[in-house]
Every structure is written in C-alpha cells, then in structure tokens.
Amino acid sequence: MKLITAIIKPFKSDDVREALSELGVNGMTLTEVKGFGRQKGHTELYRGAEYVVDFLPKTKIEVAVSDDVVDQAIDAICKAANTGHIGDGKIFVTHIEQSIRIRTGETGNEAL
C-alpha cells in the first residue's frame, strides 16, 4: 500500500477527484494549505498599497491506494492537475505499513 500526497492548484481539485474516481479510488482527504516553491510568492495591490504574498493557496490531496494502482493514480493526478504553468504542484509517494478500518476491523488492502 502507498500513500500518495499531491500538492496542486485549488481549482484543479475537482478534476483530480474525478480522475481518481474513474480508477475506482474510493476515498481521499483534501486539505486547503498554503505554500510556495519556485514561484516564491507574488505581490498584490490592495487599496493602493503593495503587499508581498509569500505563501500561495494550494490544495493537498492524500489518497491511500494498493500497490497495483499506484502508477495509474499518479498518472491520473498528473494529467488532471496539469496546466502547463509554474506552480502546478508536486506528488509524493510513501509506503504504508498498515491500514485498519475502524468500523469493521478490516486490515490491509481490504481497509482501503
């Protein structure tokens, strides 16, 4: 089992959700976060004053998948989140030791 964590632009979250649903991915966690990478923020004008915005709004999606779906899920996220512009995001994949569904006690891939 793997945990895929994707940091993407907020307006692409519905596209990613739909792409993962087509693969049969049952659930995900979505968190509104702020951060920066190569964009290094930007400046904005507000009532005539210029402000530096260091952290940009992003969406963090976390989804646990079985090992046989990892590559397909990564590909689906990449295609759905891609705009071709800087700040499209990053994907991180980590190993999951164990998963347990609290309601039924199911473990492993059955708990996903």
C-alpha atoms as a PDB file:
ATOM      1  CA  MET A   1       0.000   0.000   0.000  1.00  0.00           C
ATOM      2  CA  LYS A   2       1.121   3.535  -0.754  1.00  0.00           C
ATOM      3  CA  LEU A   3       0.078   6.993   0.398  1.00  0.00           C
ATOM      4  CA  ILE A   4       0.030   9.470  -2.469  1.00  0.00           C
ATOM      5  CA  THR A   5       0.225  13.096  -1.382  1.00  0.00           C
ATOM      6  CA  ALA A   6      -0.351  15.673  -4.106  1.00  0.00           C
ATOM      7  CA  ILE A   7       0.002  19.437  -3.688  1.00  0.00           C
ATOM      8  CA  ILE A   8      -1.934  21.086  -6.518  1.00  0.00           C
ATOM      9  CA  LYS A   9      -3.646  24.316  -7.554  1.00  0.00           C
ATOM     10  CA  PRO A  10      -7.015  24.628  -5.767  1.00  0.00           C
ATOM     11  CA  PHE A  11      -9.144  24.926  -8.904  1.00  0.00           C
ATOM     12  CA  LYS A  12      -7.858  21.536 -10.143  1.00  0.00           C
ATOM     13  CA  SER A  13      -9.069  19.529  -7.127  1.00  0.00           C
ATOM     14  CA  ASP A  14     -12.400  18.522  -8.701  1.00  0.00           C
ATOM     15  CA  ASP A  15     -10.623  17.339 -11.852  1.00  0.00           C
ATOM     16  CA  VAL A  16      -8.258  15.201  -9.774  1.00  0.00           C
ATOM     17  CA  ARG A  17     -11.122  13.776  -7.722  1.00  0.00           C
ATOM     18  CA  GLU A  18     -12.994  12.770 -10.876  1.00  0.00           C
ATOM     19  CA  ALA A  19      -9.868  11.220 -12.442  1.00  0.00           C
ATOM     20  CA  LEU A  20      -9.203   9.124  -9.334  1.00  0.00           C
ATOM     21  CA  SER A  21     -12.869   8.082  -9.088  1.00  0.00           C
ATOM     22  CA  GLU A  22     -12.664   6.703 -12.632  1.00  0.00           C
ATOM     23  CA  LEU A  23      -9.842   4.433 -11.420  1.00  0.00           C
ATOM     24  CA  GLY A  24     -12.019   3.129  -8.605  1.00  0.00           C
ATOM     25  CA  VAL A  25     -10.241   5.025  -5.826  1.00  0.00           C
ATOM     26  CA  ASN A  26     -12.877   5.138  -3.083  1.00  0.00           C
ATOM     27  CA  GLY A  27     -11.768   7.959  -0.831  1.00  0.00           C
ATOM     28  CA  MET A  28      -9.365  10.799  -0.321  1.00  0.00           C
ATOM     29  CA  THR A  29      -8.544  13.564   2.095  1.00  0.00           C
ATOM     30  CA  LEU A  30      -8.414  17.148   0.842  1.00  0.00           C
ATOM     31  CA  THR A  31      -6.834  19.946   2.855  1.00  0.00           C
ATOM     32  CA  GLU A  32      -6.539  23.618   1.995  1.00  0.00           C
ATOM     33  CA  VAL A  33      -2.920  24.600   2.581  1.00  0.00           C
ATOM     34  CA  LYS A  34      -0.541  27.451   1.777  1.00  0.00           C
ATOM     35  CA  GLY A  35       2.998  27.205   0.491  1.00  0.00           C
ATOM     36  CA  PHE A  36       5.484  28.151  -2.154  1.00  0.00           C
ATOM     37  CA  GLY A  37       8.108  26.558  -4.330  1.00  0.00           C
ATOM     38  CA  ARG A  38       9.801  28.100  -7.314  1.00  0.00           C
ATOM     39  CA  GLN A  39       7.005  30.678  -7.544  1.00  0.00           C
ATOM     40  CA  LYS A  40       8.323  32.347  -4.393  1.00  0.00           C
ATOM     41  CA  GLY A  41       5.004  34.140  -3.882  1.00  0.00           C
ATOM     42  CA  HIS A  42       3.897  37.316  -5.608  1.00  0.00           C
ATOM     43  CA  THR A  43       2.929  40.935  -4.927  1.00  0.00           C
ATOM     44  CA  GLU A  44      -0.620  42.264  -4.817  1.00  0.00           C
ATOM     45  CA  LEU A  45      -2.090  45.743  -4.722  1.00  0.00           C
ATOM     46  CA  TYR A  46      -4.719  46.397  -2.072  1.00  0.00           C
ATOM     47  CA  ARG A  47      -6.180  49.900  -1.694  1.00  0.00           C
ATOM     48  CA  GLY A  48      -3.156  51.413  -3.333  1.00  0.00           C
ATOM     49  CA  ALA A  49      -0.606  49.630  -1.137  1.00  0.00           C
ATOM     50  CA  GLU A  50       1.601  46.823  -2.406  1.00  0.00           C
ATOM     51  CA  TYR A  51       1.737  43.638  -0.350  1.00  0.00           C
ATOM     52  CA  VAL A  52       4.028  40.652  -0.721  1.00  0.00           C
ATOM     53  CA  VAL A  53       2.178  37.340  -0.561  1.00  0.00           C
ATOM     54  CA  ASP A  54       4.794  34.764   0.433  1.00  0.00           C
ATOM     55  CA  PHE A  55       2.526  31.745   0.680  1.00  0.00           C
ATOM     56  CA  LEU A  56       0.147  30.827  -2.118  1.00  0.00           C
ATOM     57  CA  PRO A  57      -3.099  28.887  -1.622  1.00  0.00           C
ATOM     58  CA  LYS A  58      -2.743  25.226  -2.578  1.00  0.00           C
ATOM     59  CA  THR A  59      -4.732  22.037  -2.093  1.00  0.00           C
ATOM     60  CA  LYS A  60      -3.223  18.935  -0.533  1.00  0.00           C
ATOM     61  CA  ILE A  61      -4.796  15.652  -1.577  1.00  0.00           C
ATOM     62  CA  GLU A  62      -3.941  12.461   0.276  1.00  0.00           C
ATOM     63  CA  VAL A  63      -5.068   9.110  -1.050  1.00  0.00           C
ATOM     64  CA  ALA A  64      -4.146   5.581   0.044  1.00  0.00           C
ATOM     65  CA  VAL A  65      -4.018   3.029  -2.763  1.00  0.00           C
ATOM     66  CA  SER A  66      -2.923  -0.567  -3.239  1.00  0.00           C
ATOM     67  CA  ASP A  67       0.454  -1.157  -4.879  1.00  0.00           C
ATOM     68  CA  ASP A  68      -1.078  -2.283  -8.176  1.00  0.00           C
ATOM     69  CA  VAL A  69      -2.892   1.067  -8.687  1.00  0.00           C
ATOM     70  CA  VAL A  70      -0.071   3.468  -7.730  1.00  0.00           C
ATOM     71  CA  ASP A  71       1.272   4.202 -11.213  1.00  0.00           C
ATOM     72  CA  GLN A  72      -2.218   4.660 -12.670  1.00  0.00           C
ATOM     73  CA  ALA A  73      -3.195   7.015  -9.828  1.00  0.00           C
ATOM     74  CA  ILE A  74      -0.035   9.104 -10.247  1.00  0.00           C
ATOM     75  CA  ASP A  75      -0.642   9.346 -13.987  1.00  0.00           C
ATOM     76  CA  ALA A  76      -4.277  10.369 -13.429  1.00  0.00           C
ATOM     77  CA  ILE A  77      -3.275  13.080 -10.940  1.00  0.00           C
ATOM     78  CA  CYS A  78      -0.570  14.420 -13.272  1.00  0.00           C
ATOM     79  CA  LYS A  79      -2.944  14.650 -16.225  1.00  0.00           C
ATOM     80  CA  ALA A  80      -5.815  16.169 -14.225  1.00  0.00           C
ATOM     81  CA  ALA A  81      -3.710  18.736 -12.331  1.00  0.00           C
ATOM     82  CA  ASN A  82      -1.518  19.856 -15.229  1.00  0.00           C
ATOM     83  CA  THR A  83      -1.962  23.414 -16.520  1.00  0.00           C
ATOM     84  CA  GLY A  84       1.482  23.716 -18.068  1.00  0.00           C
ATOM     85  CA  HIS A  85       2.346  26.693 -15.870  1.00  0.00           C
ATOM     86  CA  ILE A  86       4.663  27.112 -12.908  1.00  0.00           C
ATOM     87  CA  GLY A  87       3.079  26.073  -9.623  1.00  0.00           C
ATOM     88  CA  ASP A  88       1.206  23.015 -10.901  1.00  0.00           C
ATOM     89  CA  GLY A  89       2.427  21.159  -7.829  1.00  0.00           C
ATOM     90  CA  LYS A  90       4.213  18.058  -6.623  1.00  0.00           C
ATOM     91  CA  ILE A  91       3.386  14.436  -5.862  1.00  0.00           C
ATOM     92  CA  PHE A  92       4.973  12.429  -3.051  1.00  0.00           C
ATOM     93  CA  VAL A  93       4.597   8.675  -2.606  1.00  0.00           C
ATOM     94  CA  THR A  94       5.258   6.976   0.726  1.00  0.00           C
ATOM     95  CA  HIS A  95       4.899   3.396   1.931  1.00  0.00           C
ATOM     96  CA  ILE A  96       2.042   2.480   4.287  1.00  0.00           C
ATOM     97  CA  GLU A  97       2.901  -0.158   6.875  1.00  0.00           C
ATOM     98  CA  GLN A  98      -0.660  -0.964   7.900  1.00  0.00           C
ATOM     99  CA  SER A  99      -4.224   0.242   7.419  1.00  0.00           C
ATOM    100  CA  ILE A 100      -7.219  -0.577   9.585  1.00  0.00           C
ATOM    101  CA  ARG A 101     -10.882   0.250   9.038  1.00  0.00           C
ATOM    102  CA  ILE A 102     -12.091   1.197  12.492  1.00  0.00           C
ATOM    103  CA  ARG A 103     -15.752   0.256  11.933  1.00  0.00           C
ATOM    104  CA  THR A 104     -15.173  -3.331  10.733  1.00  0.00           C
ATOM    105  CA  GLY A 105     -11.638  -4.124  11.851  1.00  0.00           C
ATOM    106  CA  GLU A 106     -10.580  -4.924   8.279  1.00  0.00           C
ATOM    107  CA  THR A 107      -6.849  -4.562   7.674  1.00  0.00           C
ATOM    108  CA  GLY A 108      -4.504  -4.130   4.717  1.00  0.00           C
ATOM    109  CA  ASN A 109      -5.905  -3.557   1.227  1.00  0.00           C
ATOM    110  CA  GLU A 110      -9.401  -4.530   2.410  1.00  0.00           C
ATOM    111  CA  ALA A 111      -9.406  -1.461   4.685  1.00  0.00           C
ATOM    112  CA  LEU A 112      -8.822   0.884   1.752  1.00  0.00           C
END
